[in-house]
N, C-alpha and C. Protein backbone atom coordinates (compact mmCIF):
# COMPACT_ATOMS: atom_id res chain seq x y z
N UNK A 1 0.84 -1.18 0.00
CA UNK A 1 0.00 0.00 0.00
C UNK A 1 0.88 1.24 0.00
N UNK A 2 0.62 2.13 -0.95
CA UNK A 2 1.41 3.35 -1.05
C UNK A 2 0.78 4.44 -0.19
N UNK A 3 1.59 5.04 0.67
CA UNK A 3 1.06 6.01 1.63
C UNK A 3 0.86 7.39 1.00
N UNK A 4 1.64 7.73 0.00
CA UNK A 4 1.57 9.06 -0.59
C UNK A 4 1.14 8.97 -2.04
N UNK A 5 0.42 9.97 -2.46
CA UNK A 5 0.08 10.07 -3.87
C UNK A 5 1.28 10.65 -4.61
N UNK A 6 1.24 10.57 -5.91
CA UNK A 6 2.36 11.07 -6.70
C UNK A 6 2.54 12.57 -6.51
N UNK A 7 1.46 13.31 -6.38
CA UNK A 7 1.55 14.75 -6.21
C UNK A 7 2.13 15.16 -4.87
N UNK A 8 1.90 14.35 -3.84
CA UNK A 8 2.41 14.71 -2.52
C UNK A 8 3.93 14.54 -2.42
N UNK A 9 4.50 13.62 -3.22
CA UNK A 9 5.96 13.50 -3.25
C UNK A 9 6.59 14.79 -3.76
N UNK A 10 5.97 15.36 -4.78
CA UNK A 10 6.45 16.63 -5.32
C UNK A 10 6.31 17.73 -4.28
N UNK A 11 5.25 17.68 -3.50
CA UNK A 11 5.03 18.66 -2.44
C UNK A 11 6.14 18.58 -1.40
N UNK A 12 6.54 17.37 -1.01
CA UNK A 12 7.60 17.21 -0.01
C UNK A 12 8.95 17.66 -0.55
N UNK A 13 9.20 17.43 -1.82
CA UNK A 13 10.46 17.88 -2.42
C UNK A 13 10.53 19.39 -2.43
N UNK A 14 9.45 20.03 -2.83
CA UNK A 14 9.42 21.50 -2.84
C UNK A 14 9.55 22.07 -1.43
N UNK A 15 8.90 21.44 -0.46
CA UNK A 15 9.00 21.89 0.92
C UNK A 15 10.41 21.74 1.48
N UNK A 16 11.08 20.67 1.08
CA UNK A 16 12.46 20.46 1.52
C UNK A 16 13.38 21.51 0.93
N UNK A 17 13.16 21.87 -0.31
CA UNK A 17 13.97 22.91 -0.94
C UNK A 17 13.78 24.24 -0.22
N UNK A 18 12.56 24.57 0.12
CA UNK A 18 12.29 25.81 0.85
C UNK A 18 12.94 25.76 2.23
N UNK A 19 12.89 24.62 2.90
CA UNK A 19 13.51 24.49 4.23
C UNK A 19 15.02 24.66 4.15
N UNK A 20 15.63 24.08 3.15
CA UNK A 20 17.08 24.24 2.97
C UNK A 20 17.41 25.69 2.66
N UNK A 21 16.61 26.31 1.81
CA UNK A 21 16.83 27.71 1.44
C UNK A 21 16.70 28.63 2.65
N UNK A 22 15.92 28.23 3.64
CA UNK A 22 15.73 29.04 4.83
C UNK A 22 16.82 28.81 5.88
N UNK A 23 17.23 27.58 6.09
CA UNK A 23 18.12 27.28 7.22
C UNK A 23 19.61 27.43 6.91
N UNK A 24 20.02 27.13 5.69
CA UNK A 24 21.45 27.19 5.37
C UNK A 24 22.04 28.60 5.58
N UNK A 25 21.39 29.67 5.11
CA UNK A 25 21.96 31.01 5.35
C UNK A 25 22.07 31.37 6.83
N UNK A 26 21.09 31.01 7.63
CA UNK A 26 21.14 31.39 9.05
C UNK A 26 22.20 30.59 9.80
N UNK A 27 22.34 29.32 9.49
CA UNK A 27 23.38 28.51 10.15
C UNK A 27 24.77 28.99 9.76
N UNK A 28 24.96 29.26 8.46
CA UNK A 28 26.27 29.73 8.03
C UNK A 28 26.56 31.13 8.58
N UNK A 29 25.54 31.99 8.67
CA UNK A 29 25.75 33.32 9.26
C UNK A 29 26.14 33.21 10.72
N UNK A 30 25.54 32.26 11.44
CA UNK A 30 25.90 32.08 12.85
C UNK A 30 27.36 31.67 13.00
N UNK A 31 27.80 30.68 12.23
CA UNK A 31 29.18 30.21 12.37
C UNK A 31 30.19 31.25 11.90
N UNK A 32 29.89 31.96 10.84
CA UNK A 32 30.80 33.01 10.36
C UNK A 32 30.88 34.15 11.37
N UNK A 33 29.72 34.58 11.89
CA UNK A 33 29.72 35.67 12.87
C UNK A 33 30.39 35.24 14.17
N UNK A 34 30.21 34.00 14.57
CA UNK A 34 30.86 33.51 15.79
C UNK A 34 32.37 33.46 15.62
N UNK A 35 32.83 33.12 14.44
CA UNK A 35 34.27 33.07 14.19
C UNK A 35 34.88 34.47 14.14
N UNK A 36 34.15 35.41 13.58
CA UNK A 36 34.69 36.77 13.44
C UNK A 36 34.59 37.55 14.74
N UNK A 37 33.44 37.50 15.40
CA UNK A 37 33.17 38.33 16.56
C UNK A 37 33.62 37.69 17.86
N UNK A 38 33.62 36.36 17.93
CA UNK A 38 33.94 35.60 19.15
C UNK A 38 32.97 35.88 20.29
N UNK A 39 31.72 36.17 19.94
CA UNK A 39 30.67 36.36 20.93
C UNK A 39 29.43 35.62 20.44
N UNK A 40 29.02 34.62 21.20
CA UNK A 40 27.91 33.78 20.74
C UNK A 40 26.57 34.49 20.76
N UNK A 41 26.37 35.41 21.69
CA UNK A 41 25.11 36.14 21.76
C UNK A 41 24.95 37.05 20.54
N UNK A 42 25.99 37.78 20.20
CA UNK A 42 25.94 38.65 19.03
C UNK A 42 25.81 37.82 17.75
N UNK A 43 26.48 36.69 17.70
CA UNK A 43 26.37 35.80 16.54
C UNK A 43 24.94 35.26 16.41
N UNK A 44 24.30 34.96 17.52
CA UNK A 44 22.91 34.48 17.49
C UNK A 44 21.96 35.58 17.03
N UNK A 45 22.22 36.81 17.43
CA UNK A 45 21.39 37.93 16.98
C UNK A 45 21.54 38.14 15.49
N UNK A 46 22.77 38.10 14.99
CA UNK A 46 23.02 38.25 13.56
C UNK A 46 22.36 37.11 12.78
N UNK A 47 22.48 35.89 13.28
CA UNK A 47 21.87 34.74 12.61
C UNK A 47 20.34 34.84 12.61
N UNK A 48 19.77 35.39 13.67
CA UNK A 48 18.32 35.57 13.73
C UNK A 48 17.86 36.58 12.69
N UNK A 49 18.59 37.65 12.53
CA UNK A 49 18.25 38.66 11.52
C UNK A 49 18.34 38.05 10.12
N UNK A 50 19.41 37.31 9.86
CA UNK A 50 19.57 36.65 8.56
C UNK A 50 18.45 35.64 8.35
N UNK A 51 18.07 34.92 9.39
CA UNK A 51 17.00 33.93 9.28
C UNK A 51 15.66 34.59 8.95
N UNK A 52 15.37 35.71 9.58
CA UNK A 52 14.12 36.41 9.30
C UNK A 52 14.09 36.93 7.86
N UNK A 53 15.22 37.43 7.39
CA UNK A 53 15.30 37.90 6.00
C UNK A 53 15.10 36.73 5.03
N UNK A 54 15.72 35.61 5.33
CA UNK A 54 15.56 34.45 4.44
C UNK A 54 14.14 33.89 4.51
N UNK A 55 13.46 34.04 5.64
CA UNK A 55 12.07 33.60 5.73
C UNK A 55 11.17 34.45 4.83
N UNK A 56 11.43 35.74 4.79
CA UNK A 56 10.64 36.62 3.92
C UNK A 56 10.87 36.26 2.46
N UNK A 57 12.13 36.04 2.10
CA UNK A 57 12.45 35.68 0.72
C UNK A 57 11.86 34.32 0.37
N UNK A 58 11.96 33.36 1.29
CA UNK A 58 11.43 32.03 0.99
C UNK A 58 9.90 32.04 0.90
N UNK A 59 9.24 32.95 1.61
CA UNK A 59 7.79 33.07 1.50
C UNK A 59 7.41 33.51 0.09
N UNK A 60 8.15 34.49 -0.44
CA UNK A 60 7.87 34.96 -1.79
C UNK A 60 8.17 33.89 -2.82
N UNK A 61 9.24 33.14 -2.62
CA UNK A 61 9.60 32.07 -3.55
C UNK A 61 8.59 30.93 -3.46
N UNK A 62 8.14 30.60 -2.26
CA UNK A 62 7.20 29.49 -2.11
C UNK A 62 5.85 29.80 -2.73
N UNK A 63 5.44 31.06 -2.73
CA UNK A 63 4.20 31.41 -3.39
C UNK A 63 4.30 31.13 -4.88
N UNK A 64 5.48 31.38 -5.46
CA UNK A 64 5.65 31.12 -6.89
C UNK A 64 5.76 29.62 -7.16
N UNK A 65 6.41 28.88 -6.28
CA UNK A 65 6.61 27.45 -6.51
C UNK A 65 5.33 26.67 -6.29
N UNK A 66 4.62 26.93 -5.20
CA UNK A 66 3.48 26.11 -4.83
C UNK A 66 2.18 26.51 -5.50
N UNK A 67 2.06 27.74 -5.94
CA UNK A 67 0.78 28.20 -6.46
C UNK A 67 0.74 28.25 -7.98
N UNK A 68 1.74 27.71 -8.65
CA UNK A 68 1.66 27.74 -10.11
C UNK A 68 0.68 26.68 -10.60
N UNK A 69 -0.01 27.01 -11.67
CA UNK A 69 -1.06 26.11 -12.16
C UNK A 69 -0.69 25.53 -13.50
């Protein structure tokens, strides 16, 4: 018995791409800022700002990816 329909596999692939597009910049910003600044709190603040920016961009991209007909 197949648990997913063919269309839902495509949905999961697109969702994974959006998740990667959102998390990779914030994680890399955290490690780069931590290496440069040597302060984890400031690095976390910088990574949070980058994460929020990438969330806005990924929202706009996801509307184009998921809502095309």
